[in-house]
Amino acid sequence: MTQAQEYVQKVTDQVLDGVRTAQAATLSTVGFWAQATQSLTPKASRPGVAAWSERLPQPSALVDDVYNAFEKVIANQREFGHQLLAAAQPVVEAAPAAKKKA
């Protein structure tokens, strides 16, 4: 692994640690909020609300759908990045030769 790759990996690890810490705090807060407000939630829903809500996707399915879509976008961006590098390859290969001549 090159020094640049090690640096990128270190930064990535630090960012992910920060994200995980923030996620843990958010989960704790939401859990506390859900328990605290549970007694305030009406036991009977209004007429028609249940029928309308049945047409909505399950929250977990919605999360999966959104992240599946983002995975496709990220995969597309990765492929684009590789195509971009391939398109620039002639210039990249010529740069060291031009440097040696100077």
PDB file of N, CA and C in Angstrom:
ATOM      1  N   MET A   1       0.860  -1.173   0.000  1.00  0.00           N
ATOM      2  CA  MET A   1       0.000   0.000   0.000  1.00  0.00           C
ATOM      3  C   MET A   1       0.906   1.237   0.000  1.00  0.00           C
ATOM      4  N   THR A   2       0.600   2.186  -0.869  1.00  0.00           N
ATOM      5  CA  THR A   2       1.409   3.401  -0.941  1.00  0.00           C
ATOM      6  C   THR A   2       1.087   4.317   0.235  1.00  0.00           C
ATOM      7  N   GLN A   3       1.927   5.312   0.421  1.00  0.00           N
ATOM      8  CA  GLN A   3       1.715   6.271   1.510  1.00  0.00           C
ATOM      9  C   GLN A   3       0.398   7.023   1.317  1.00  0.00           C
ATOM     10  N   ALA A   4       0.075   7.366   0.081  1.00  0.00           N
ATOM     11  CA  ALA A   4      -1.186   8.063  -0.200  1.00  0.00           C
ATOM     12  C   ALA A   4      -2.374   7.172   0.136  1.00  0.00           C
ATOM     13  N   GLN A   5      -2.280   5.892  -0.219  1.00  0.00           N
ATOM     14  CA  GLN A   5      -3.370   4.968   0.084  1.00  0.00           C
ATOM     15  C   GLN A   5      -3.523   4.777   1.589  1.00  0.00           C
ATOM     16  N   GLU A   6      -2.412   4.714   2.309  1.00  0.00           N
ATOM     17  CA  GLU A   6      -2.472   4.602   3.766  1.00  0.00           C
ATOM     18  C   GLU A   6      -3.148   5.829   4.377  1.00  0.00           C
ATOM     19  N   TYR A   7      -2.824   6.996   3.848  1.00  0.00           N
ATOM     20  CA  TYR A   7      -3.432   8.230   4.340  1.00  0.00           C
ATOM     21  C   TYR A   7      -4.939   8.229   4.087  1.00  0.00           C
ATOM     22  N   VAL A   8      -5.332   7.848   2.881  1.00  0.00           N
ATOM     23  CA  VAL A   8      -6.761   7.803   2.548  1.00  0.00           C
ATOM     24  C   VAL A   8      -7.476   6.808   3.455  1.00  0.00           C
ATOM     25  N   GLN A   9      -6.855   5.648   3.697  1.00  0.00           N
ATOM     26  CA  GLN A   9      -7.460   4.638   4.567  1.00  0.00           C
ATOM     27  C   GLN A   9      -7.606   5.166   5.993  1.00  0.00           C
ATOM     28  N   LYS A  10      -6.595   5.867   6.477  1.00  0.00           N
ATOM     29  CA  LYS A  10      -6.635   6.429   7.838  1.00  0.00           C
ATOM     30  C   LYS A  10      -7.757   7.461   7.957  1.00  0.00           C
ATOM     31  N   VAL A  11      -7.863   8.346   6.974  1.00  0.00           N
ATOM     32  CA  VAL A  11      -8.921   9.355   6.980  1.00  0.00           C
ATOM     33  C   VAL A  11     -10.291   8.686   6.892  1.00  0.00           C
ATOM     34  N   THR A  12     -10.413   7.684   6.029  1.00  0.00           N
ATOM     35  CA  THR A  12     -11.673   6.960   5.888  1.00  0.00           C
ATOM     36  C   THR A  12     -12.071   6.317   7.212  1.00  0.00           C
ATOM     37  N   ASP A  13     -11.123   5.673   7.879  1.00  0.00           N
ATOM     38  CA  ASP A  13     -11.404   5.043   9.172  1.00  0.00           C
ATOM     39  C   ASP A  13     -11.858   6.072  10.208  1.00  0.00           C
ATOM     40  N   GLN A  14     -11.212   7.228  10.224  1.00  0.00           N
ATOM     41  CA  GLN A  14     -11.597   8.275  11.177  1.00  0.00           C
ATOM     42  C   GLN A  14     -12.990   8.808  10.883  1.00  0.00           C
ATOM     43  N   VAL A  15     -13.301   9.008   9.611  1.00  0.00           N
ATOM     44  CA  VAL A  15     -14.633   9.493   9.229  1.00  0.00           C
ATOM     45  C   VAL A  15     -15.689   8.466   9.626  1.00  0.00           C
ATOM     46  N   LEU A  16     -15.436   7.191   9.327  1.00  0.00           N
ATOM     47  CA  LEU A  16     -16.402   6.149   9.683  1.00  0.00           C
ATOM     48  C   LEU A  16     -16.584   6.031  11.193  1.00  0.00           C
ATOM     49  N   ASP A  17     -15.507   6.199  11.954  1.00  0.00           N
ATOM     50  CA  ASP A  17     -15.634   6.189  13.419  1.00  0.00           C
ATOM     51  C   ASP A  17     -16.533   7.332  13.881  1.00  0.00           C
ATOM     52  N   GLY A  18     -16.355   8.501  13.295  1.00  0.00           N
ATOM     53  CA  GLY A  18     -17.191   9.644  13.643  1.00  0.00           C
ATOM     54  C   GLY A  18     -18.644   9.422  13.270  1.00  0.00           C
ATOM     55  N   VAL A  19     -18.862   8.850  12.104  1.00  0.00           N
ATOM     56  CA  VAL A  19     -20.224   8.561  11.653  1.00  0.00           C
ATOM     57  C   VAL A  19     -20.882   7.551  12.596  1.00  0.00           C
ATOM     58  N   ARG A  20     -20.148   6.502  12.950  1.00  0.00           N
ATOM     59  CA  ARG A  20     -20.708   5.482  13.859  1.00  0.00           C
ATOM     60  C   ARG A  20     -21.042   6.079  15.222  1.00  0.00           C
ATOM     61  N   THR A  21     -20.203   6.962  15.721  1.00  0.00           N
ATOM     62  CA  THR A  21     -20.471   7.614  17.000  1.00  0.00           C
ATOM     63  C   THR A  21     -21.740   8.453  16.911  1.00  0.00           C
ATOM     64  N   ALA A  22     -21.877   9.215  15.841  1.00  0.00           N
ATOM     65  CA  ALA A  22     -23.080  10.031  15.645  1.00  0.00           C
ATOM     66  C   ALA A  22     -24.316   9.157  15.483  1.00  0.00           C
ATOM     67  N   GLN A  23     -24.188   8.049  14.766  1.00  0.00           N
ATOM     68  CA  GLN A  23     -25.316   7.140  14.588  1.00  0.00           C
ATOM     69  C   GLN A  23     -25.747   6.535  15.925  1.00  0.00           C
ATOM     70  N   ALA A  24     -24.783   6.143  16.760  1.00  0.00           N
ATOM     71  CA  ALA A  24     -25.108   5.569  18.067  1.00  0.00           C
ATOM     72  C   ALA A  24     -25.848   6.586  18.929  1.00  0.00           C
ATOM     73  N   ALA A  25     -25.399   7.830  18.886  1.00  0.00           N
ATOM     74  CA  ALA A  25     -26.066   8.882  19.662  1.00  0.00           C
ATOM     75  C   ALA A  25     -27.481   9.113  19.143  1.00  0.00           C
ATOM     76  N   THR A  26     -27.650   9.099  17.832  1.00  0.00           N
ATOM     77  CA  THR A  26     -28.974   9.288  17.241  1.00  0.00           C
ATOM     78  C   THR A  26     -29.911   8.146  17.610  1.00  0.00           C
ATOM     79  N   LEU A  27     -29.418   6.914  17.515  1.00  0.00           N
ATOM     80  CA  LEU A  27     -30.240   5.760  17.878  1.00  0.00           C
ATOM     81  C   LEU A  27     -30.667   5.817  19.339  1.00  0.00           C
ATOM     82  N   SER A  28     -29.762   6.210  20.199  1.00  0.00           N
ATOM     83  CA  SER A  28     -30.076   6.332  21.625  1.00  0.00           C
ATOM     84  C   SER A  28     -31.136   7.402  21.853  1.00  0.00           C
ATOM     85  N   THR A  29     -30.987   8.533  21.194  1.00  0.00           N
ATOM     86  CA  THR A  29     -31.946   9.630  21.341  1.00  0.00           C
ATOM     87  C   THR A  29     -33.327   9.237  20.826  1.00  0.00           C
ATOM     88  N   VAL A  30     -33.381   8.615  19.668  1.00  0.00           N
ATOM     89  CA  VAL A  30     -34.665   8.207  19.099  1.00  0.00           C
ATOM     90  C   VAL A  30     -35.325   7.152  19.980  1.00  0.00           C
ATOM     91  N   GLY A  31     -34.544   6.209  20.478  1.00  0.00           N
ATOM     92  CA  GLY A  31     -35.092   5.200  21.376  1.00  0.00           C
ATOM     93  C   GLY A  31     -35.675   5.820  22.635  1.00  0.00           C
ATOM     94  N   PHE A  32     -34.948   6.773  23.211  1.00  0.00           N
ATOM     95  CA  PHE A  32     -35.433   7.475  24.403  1.00  0.00           C
ATOM     96  C   PHE A  32     -36.713   8.238  24.074  1.00  0.00           C
ATOM     97  N   TRP A  33     -36.715   8.945  22.953  1.00  0.00           N
ATOM     98  CA  TRP A  33     -37.883   9.728  22.538  1.00  0.00           C
ATOM     99  C   TRP A  33     -39.086   8.807  22.326  1.00  0.00           C
ATOM    100  N   ALA A  34     -38.883   7.665  21.667  1.00  0.00           N
ATOM    101  CA  ALA A  34     -39.984   6.741  21.393  1.00  0.00           C
ATOM    102  C   ALA A  34     -40.593   6.210  22.691  1.00  0.00           C
ATOM    103  N   GLN A  35     -39.747   5.883  23.659  1.00  0.00           N
ATOM    104  CA  GLN A  35     -40.257   5.401  24.940  1.00  0.00           C
ATOM    105  C   GLN A  35     -40.995   6.506  25.687  1.00  0.00           C
ATOM    106  N   ALA A  36     -40.460   7.708  25.641  1.00  0.00           N
ATOM    107  CA  ALA A  36     -41.061   8.821  26.377  1.00  0.00           C
ATOM    108  C   ALA A  36     -42.408   9.235  25.788  1.00  0.00           C
ATOM    109  N   THR A  37     -42.571   9.143  24.485  1.00  0.00           N
ATOM    110  CA  THR A  37     -43.810   9.593  23.842  1.00  0.00           C
ATOM    111  C   THR A  37     -44.817   8.477  23.604  1.00  0.00           C
ATOM    112  N   GLN A  38     -44.446   7.246  23.912  1.00  0.00           N
ATOM    113  CA  GLN A  38     -45.339   6.119  23.669  1.00  0.00           C
ATOM    114  C   GLN A  38     -46.674   6.294  24.384  1.00  0.00           C
ATOM    115  N   SER A  39     -46.657   6.820  25.593  1.00  0.00           N
ATOM    116  CA  SER A  39     -47.901   6.978  26.338  1.00  0.00           C
ATOM    117  C   SER A  39     -48.769   8.101  25.763  1.00  0.00           C
ATOM    118  N   LEU A  40     -48.192   8.974  24.952  1.00  0.00           N
ATOM    119  CA  LEU A  40     -48.945  10.079  24.360  1.00  0.00           C
ATOM    120  C   LEU A  40     -49.605   9.695  23.046  1.00  0.00           C
ATOM    121  N   THR A  41     -49.220   8.574  22.476  1.00  0.00           N
ATOM    122  CA  THR A  41     -49.757   8.136  21.192  1.00  0.00           C
ATOM    123  C   THR A  41     -51.179   7.630  21.376  1.00  0.00           C
ATOM    124  N   PRO A  42     -52.123   8.150  20.588  1.00  0.00           N
ATOM    125  CA  PRO A  42     -53.505   7.675  20.724  1.00  0.00           C
ATOM    126  C   PRO A  42     -53.602   6.195  20.392  1.00  0.00           C
ATOM    127  N   LYS A  43     -54.425   5.496  21.149  1.00  0.00           N
ATOM    128  CA  LYS A  43     -54.587   4.046  20.955  1.00  0.00           C
ATOM    129  C   LYS A  43     -55.456   3.729  19.744  1.00  0.00           C
ATOM    130  N   ALA A  44     -56.431   4.535  19.457  1.00  0.00           N
ATOM    131  CA  ALA A  44     -57.328   4.303  18.321  1.00  0.00           C
ATOM    132  C   ALA A  44     -57.032   5.350  17.251  1.00  0.00           C
ATOM    133  N   SER A  45     -56.901   4.889  16.027  1.00  0.00           N
ATOM    134  CA  SER A  45     -56.652   5.841  14.951  1.00  0.00           C
ATOM    135  C   SER A  45     -57.972   6.336  14.381  1.00  0.00           C
ATOM    136  N   ARG A  46     -57.880   7.442  13.644  1.00  0.00           N
ATOM    137  CA  ARG A  46     -59.087   8.008  13.026  1.00  0.00           C
ATOM    138  C   ARG A  46     -59.569   7.112  11.902  1.00  0.00           C
ATOM    139  N   PRO A  47     -60.844   7.121  11.612  1.00  0.00           N
ATOM    140  CA  PRO A  47     -61.374   6.301  10.516  1.00  0.00           C
ATOM    141  C   PRO A  47     -60.712   6.676   9.187  1.00  0.00           C
ATOM    142  N   GLY A  48     -60.370   5.692   8.415  1.00  0.00           N
ATOM    143  CA  GLY A  48     -59.780   5.924   7.100  1.00  0.00           C
ATOM    144  C   GLY A  48     -58.266   6.023   7.113  1.00  0.00           C
ATOM    145  N   VAL A  49     -57.680   6.337   8.265  1.00  0.00           N
ATOM    146  CA  VAL A  49     -56.227   6.484   8.322  1.00  0.00           C
ATOM    147  C   VAL A  49     -55.558   5.130   8.131  1.00  0.00           C
ATOM    148  N   ALA A  50     -56.086   4.092   8.755  1.00  0.00           N
ATOM    149  CA  ALA A  50     -55.495   2.762   8.635  1.00  0.00           C
ATOM    150  C   ALA A  50     -55.522   2.294   7.184  1.00  0.00           C
ATOM    151  N   ALA A  51     -56.643   2.494   6.497  1.00  0.00           N
ATOM    152  CA  ALA A  51     -56.754   2.075   5.100  1.00  0.00           C
ATOM    153  C   ALA A  51     -55.761   2.837   4.223  1.00  0.00           C
ATOM    154  N   TRP A  52     -55.595   4.120   4.482  1.00  0.00           N
ATOM    155  CA  TRP A  52     -54.662   4.939   3.705  1.00  0.00           C
ATOM    156  C   TRP A  52     -53.223   4.512   3.978  1.00  0.00           C
ATOM    157  N   SER A  53     -52.910   4.247   5.237  1.00  0.00           N
ATOM    158  CA  SER A  53     -51.536   3.899   5.592  1.00  0.00           C
ATOM    159  C   SER A  53     -51.128   2.538   5.052  1.00  0.00           C
ATOM    160  N   GLU A  54     -52.087   1.671   4.754  1.00  0.00           N
ATOM    161  CA  GLU A  54     -51.762   0.361   4.196  1.00  0.00           C
ATOM    162  C   GLU A  54     -51.190   0.467   2.789  1.00  0.00           C
ATOM    163  N   ARG A  55     -51.437   1.590   2.126  1.00  0.00           N
ATOM    164  CA  ARG A  55     -50.904   1.792   0.778  1.00  0.00           C
ATOM    165  C   ARG A  55     -49.458   2.264   0.796  1.00  0.00           C
ATOM    166  N   LEU A  56     -48.965   2.633   1.945  1.00  0.00           N
ATOM    167  CA  LEU A  56     -47.582   3.089   2.064  1.00  0.00           C
ATOM    168  C   LEU A  56     -46.650   1.894   2.231  1.00  0.00           C
ATOM    169  N   PRO A  57     -45.407   2.021   1.759  1.00  0.00           N
ATOM    170  CA  PRO A  57     -44.459   0.916   1.957  1.00  0.00           C
ATOM    171  C   PRO A  57     -44.072   0.819   3.435  1.00  0.00           C
ATOM    172  N   GLN A  58     -43.629  -0.361   3.817  1.00  0.00           N
ATOM    173  CA  GLN A  58     -43.118  -0.529   5.165  1.00  0.00           C
ATOM    174  C   GLN A  58     -41.854   0.333   5.299  1.00  0.00           C
ATOM    175  N   PRO A  59     -41.644   0.956   6.454  1.00  0.00           N
ATOM    176  CA  PRO A  59     -40.449   1.803   6.614  1.00  0.00           C
ATOM    177  C   PRO A  59     -39.145   1.074   6.295  1.00  0.00           C
ATOM    178  N   SER A  60     -39.016  -0.170   6.708  1.00  0.00           N
ATOM    179  CA  SER A  60     -37.770  -0.900   6.432  1.00  0.00           C
ATOM    180  C   SER A  60     -37.594  -1.136   4.929  1.00  0.00           C
ATOM    181  N   ALA A  61     -38.686  -1.376   4.216  1.00  0.00           N
ATOM    182  CA  ALA A  61     -38.604  -1.552   2.767  1.00  0.00           C
ATOM    183  C   ALA A  61     -38.217  -0.243   2.090  1.00  0.00           C
ATOM    184  N   LEU A  62     -38.715   0.856   2.599  1.00  0.00           N
ATOM    185  CA  LEU A  62     -38.375   2.169   2.057  1.00  0.00           C
ATOM    186  C   LEU A  62     -36.884   2.452   2.238  1.00  0.00           C
ATOM    187  N   VAL A  63     -36.359   2.153   3.420  1.00  0.00           N
ATOM    188  CA  VAL A  63     -34.922   2.330   3.668  1.00  0.00           C
ATOM    189  C   VAL A  63     -34.116   1.471   2.697  1.00  0.00           C
ATOM    190  N   ASP A  64     -34.510   0.203   2.555  1.00  0.00           N
ATOM    191  CA  ASP A  64     -33.799  -0.675   1.625  1.00  0.00           C
ATOM    192  C   ASP A  64     -33.855  -0.152   0.195  1.00  0.00           C
ATOM    193  N   ASP A  65     -35.012   0.315  -0.237  1.00  0.00           N
ATOM    194  CA  ASP A  65     -35.155   0.836  -1.597  1.00  0.00           C
ATOM    195  C   ASP A  65     -34.259   2.043  -1.841  1.00  0.00           C
ATOM    196  N   VAL A  66     -34.216   2.949  -0.877  1.00  0.00           N
ATOM    197  CA  VAL A  66     -33.392   4.155  -1.024  1.00  0.00           C
ATOM    198  C   VAL A  66     -31.910   3.783  -1.092  1.00  0.00           C
ATOM    199  N   TYR A  67     -31.464   2.906  -0.193  1.00  0.00           N
ATOM    200  CA  TYR A  67     -30.049   2.536  -0.205  1.00  0.00           C
ATOM    201  C   TYR A  67     -29.695   1.687  -1.418  1.00  0.00           C
ATOM    202  N   ASN A  68     -30.611   0.862  -1.908  1.00  0.00           N
ATOM    203  CA  ASN A  68     -30.360   0.127  -3.150  1.00  0.00           C
ATOM    204  C   ASN A  68     -30.168   1.101  -4.310  1.00  0.00           C
ATOM    205  N   ALA A  69     -30.969   2.146  -4.339  1.00  0.00           N
ATOM    206  CA  ALA A  69     -30.824   3.161  -5.391  1.00  0.00           C
ATOM    207  C   ALA A  69     -29.474   3.865  -5.267  1.00  0.00           C
ATOM    208  N   PHE A  70     -29.084   4.228  -4.054  1.00  0.00           N
ATOM    209  CA  PHE A  70     -27.786   4.890  -3.866  1.00  0.00           C
ATOM    210  C   PHE A  70     -26.628   3.968  -4.228  1.00  0.00           C
ATOM    211  N   GLU A  71     -26.754   2.667  -3.949  1.00  0.00           N
ATOM    212  CA  GLU A  71     -25.708   1.722  -4.343  1.00  0.00           C
ATOM    213  C   GLU A  71     -25.525   1.731  -5.858  1.00  0.00           C
ATOM    214  N   LYS A  72     -26.625   1.815  -6.590  1.00  0.00           N
ATOM    215  CA  LYS A  72     -26.543   1.861  -8.049  1.00  0.00           C
ATOM    216  C   LYS A  72     -25.870   3.148  -8.512  1.00  0.00           C
ATOM    217  N   VAL A  73     -26.198   4.260  -7.860  1.00  0.00           N
ATOM    218  CA  VAL A  73     -25.571   5.538  -8.223  1.00  0.00           C
ATOM    219  C   VAL A  73     -24.074   5.487  -7.945  1.00  0.00           C
ATOM    220  N   ILE A  74     -23.682   4.976  -6.787  1.00  0.00           N
ATOM    221  CA  ILE A  74     -22.262   4.892  -6.436  1.00  0.00           C
ATOM    222  C   ILE A  74     -21.526   3.954  -7.403  1.00  0.00           C
ATOM    223  N   ALA A  75     -22.128   2.810  -7.733  1.00  0.00           N
ATOM    224  CA  ALA A  75     -21.502   1.888  -8.691  1.00  0.00           C
ATOM    225  C   ALA A  75     -21.322   2.570 -10.043  1.00  0.00           C
ATOM    226  N   ASN A  76     -22.320   3.346 -10.461  1.00  0.00           N
ATOM    227  CA  ASN A  76     -22.222   4.078 -11.710  1.00  0.00           C
ATOM    228  C   ASN A  76     -21.098   5.108 -11.647  1.00  0.00           C
ATOM    229  N   GLN A  77     -20.970   5.797 -10.531  1.00  0.00           N
ATOM    230  CA  GLN A  77     -19.914   6.798 -10.381  1.00  0.00           C
ATOM    231  C   GLN A  77     -18.531   6.144 -10.393  1.00  0.00           C
ATOM    232  N   ARG A  78     -18.418   4.972  -9.769  1.00  0.00           N
ATOM    233  CA  ARG A  78     -17.146   4.248  -9.771  1.00  0.00           C
ATOM    234  C   ARG A  78     -16.758   3.885 -11.207  1.00  0.00           C
ATOM    235  N   GLU A  79     -17.724   3.348 -11.946  1.00  0.00           N
ATOM    236  CA  GLU A  79     -17.464   2.979 -13.337  1.00  0.00           C
ATOM    237  C   GLU A  79     -17.077   4.213 -14.159  1.00  0.00           C
ATOM    238  N   PHE A  80     -17.772   5.317 -13.931  1.00  0.00           N
ATOM    239  CA  PHE A  80     -17.431   6.561 -14.621  1.00  0.00           C
ATOM    240  C   PHE A  80     -16.002   6.989 -14.297  1.00  0.00           C
ATOM    241  N   GLY A  81     -15.620   6.878 -13.038  1.00  0.00           N
ATOM    242  CA  GLY A  81     -14.257   7.236 -12.639  1.00  0.00           C
ATOM    243  C   GLY A  81     -13.215   6.404 -13.365  1.00  0.00           C
ATOM    244  N   HIS A  82     -13.464   5.093 -13.490  1.00  0.00           N
ATOM    245  CA  HIS A  82     -12.544   4.222 -14.216  1.00  0.00           C
ATOM    246  C   HIS A  82     -12.507   4.575 -15.703  1.00  0.00           C
ATOM    247  N   GLN A  83     -13.666   4.883 -16.264  1.00  0.00           N
ATOM    248  CA  GLN A  83     -13.716   5.276 -17.678  1.00  0.00           C
ATOM    249  C   GLN A  83     -12.975   6.595 -17.891  1.00  0.00           C
ATOM    250  N   LEU A  84     -13.108   7.501 -16.953  1.00  0.00           N
ATOM    251  CA  LEU A  84     -12.424   8.789 -17.046  1.00  0.00           C
ATOM    252  C   LEU A  84     -10.909   8.604 -17.001  1.00  0.00           C
ATOM    253  N   LEU A  85     -10.450   7.745 -16.093  1.00  0.00           N
ATOM    254  CA  LEU A  85      -9.015   7.456 -16.029  1.00  0.00           C
ATOM    255  C   LEU A  85      -8.524   6.803 -17.316  1.00  0.00           C
ATOM    256  N   ALA A  86      -9.317   5.891 -17.861  1.00  0.00           N
ATOM    257  CA  ALA A  86      -8.934   5.238 -19.120  1.00  0.00           C
ATOM    258  C   ALA A  86      -8.854   6.253 -20.256  1.00  0.00           C
ATOM    259  N   ALA A  87      -9.793   7.186 -20.291  1.00  0.00           N
ATOM    260  CA  ALA A  87      -9.791   8.200 -21.344  1.00  0.00           C
ATOM    261  C   ALA A  87      -8.577   9.121 -21.216  1.00  0.00           C
ATOM    262  N   ALA A  88      -8.131   9.377 -20.006  1.00  0.00           N
ATOM    263  CA  ALA A  88      -6.997  10.277 -19.775  1.00  0.00           C
ATOM    264  C   ALA A  88      -5.658   9.546 -19.815  1.00  0.00           C
ATOM    265  N   GLN A  89      -5.674   8.238 -19.950  1.00  0.00           N
ATOM    266  CA  GLN A  89      -4.451   7.439 -19.888  1.00  0.00           C
ATOM    267  C   GLN A  89      -3.347   7.922 -20.831  1.00  0.00           C
ATOM    268  N   PRO A  90      -3.635   8.302 -22.084  1.00  0.00           N
ATOM    269  CA  PRO A  90      -2.550   8.774 -22.959  1.00  0.00           C
ATOM    270  C   PRO A  90      -1.809   9.990 -22.380  1.00  0.00           C
ATOM    271  N   VAL A  91      -2.524  10.875 -21.751  1.00  0.00           N
ATOM    272  CA  VAL A  91      -1.886  12.060 -21.164  1.00  0.00           C
ATOM    273  C   VAL A  91      -1.096  11.660 -19.926  1.00  0.00           C
ATOM    274  N   VAL A  92      -1.653  10.771 -19.130  1.00  0.00           N
ATOM    275  CA  VAL A  92      -0.982  10.325 -17.908  1.00  0.00           C
ATOM    276  C   VAL A  92       0.323   9.611 -18.254  1.00  0.00           C
ATOM    277  N   GLU A  93       0.285   8.778 -19.281  1.00  0.00           N
ATOM    278  CA  GLU A  93       1.483   8.063 -19.698  1.00  0.00           C
ATOM    279  C   GLU A  93       2.535   8.997 -20.303  1.00  0.00           C
ATOM    280  N   ALA A  94       2.111  10.052 -20.966  1.00  0.00           N
ATOM    281  CA  ALA A  94       3.040  10.983 -21.603  1.00  0.00           C
ATOM    282  C   ALA A  94       3.685  11.920 -20.589  1.00  0.00           C
ATOM    283  N   ALA A  95       3.070  12.153 -19.459  1.00  0.00           N
ATOM    284  CA  ALA A  95       3.591  13.096 -18.470  1.00  0.00           C
ATOM    285  C   ALA A  95       4.968  12.705 -17.952  1.00  0.00           C
ATOM    286  N   PRO A  96       5.225  11.466 -17.525  1.00  0.00           N
ATOM    287  CA  PRO A  96       6.576  11.132 -17.053  1.00  0.00           C
ATOM    288  C   PRO A  96       7.636  11.268 -18.142  1.00  0.00           C
ATOM    289  N   ALA A  97       7.289  10.939 -19.391  1.00  0.00           N
ATOM    290  CA  ALA A  97       8.238  11.079 -20.494  1.00  0.00           C
ATOM    291  C   ALA A  97       8.596  12.534 -20.718  1.00  0.00           C
ATOM    292  N   ALA A  98       7.611  13.407 -20.654  1.00  0.00           N
ATOM    293  CA  ALA A  98       7.856  14.848 -20.849  1.00  0.00           C
ATOM    294  C   ALA A  98       8.688  15.389 -19.693  1.00  0.00           C
ATOM    295  N   LYS A  99       8.487  14.878 -18.507  1.00  0.00           N
ATOM    296  CA  LYS A  99       9.236  15.329 -17.337  1.00  0.00           C
ATOM    297  C   LYS A  99      10.721  14.964 -17.467  1.00  0.00           C
ATOM    298  N   LYS A 100      10.987  13.764 -17.995  1.00  0.00           N
ATOM    299  CA  LYS A 100      12.362  13.320 -18.148  1.00  0.00           C
ATOM    300  C   LYS A 100      13.119  14.147 -19.177  1.00  0.00           C
ATOM    301  N   LYS A 101      12.418  14.621 -20.208  1.00  0.00           N
ATOM    302  CA  LYS A 101      13.047  15.421 -21.263  1.00  0.00           C
ATOM    303  C   LYS A 101      13.413  16.799 -20.779  1.00  0.00           C
ATOM    304  N   ALA A 102      12.709  17.302 -19.764  1.00  0.00           N
ATOM    305  CA  ALA A 102      12.919  18.671 -19.300  1.00  0.00           C
ATOM    306  C   ALA A 102      14.121  18.810 -18.452  1.00  0.00           C
TER     307      ALA A 102
END
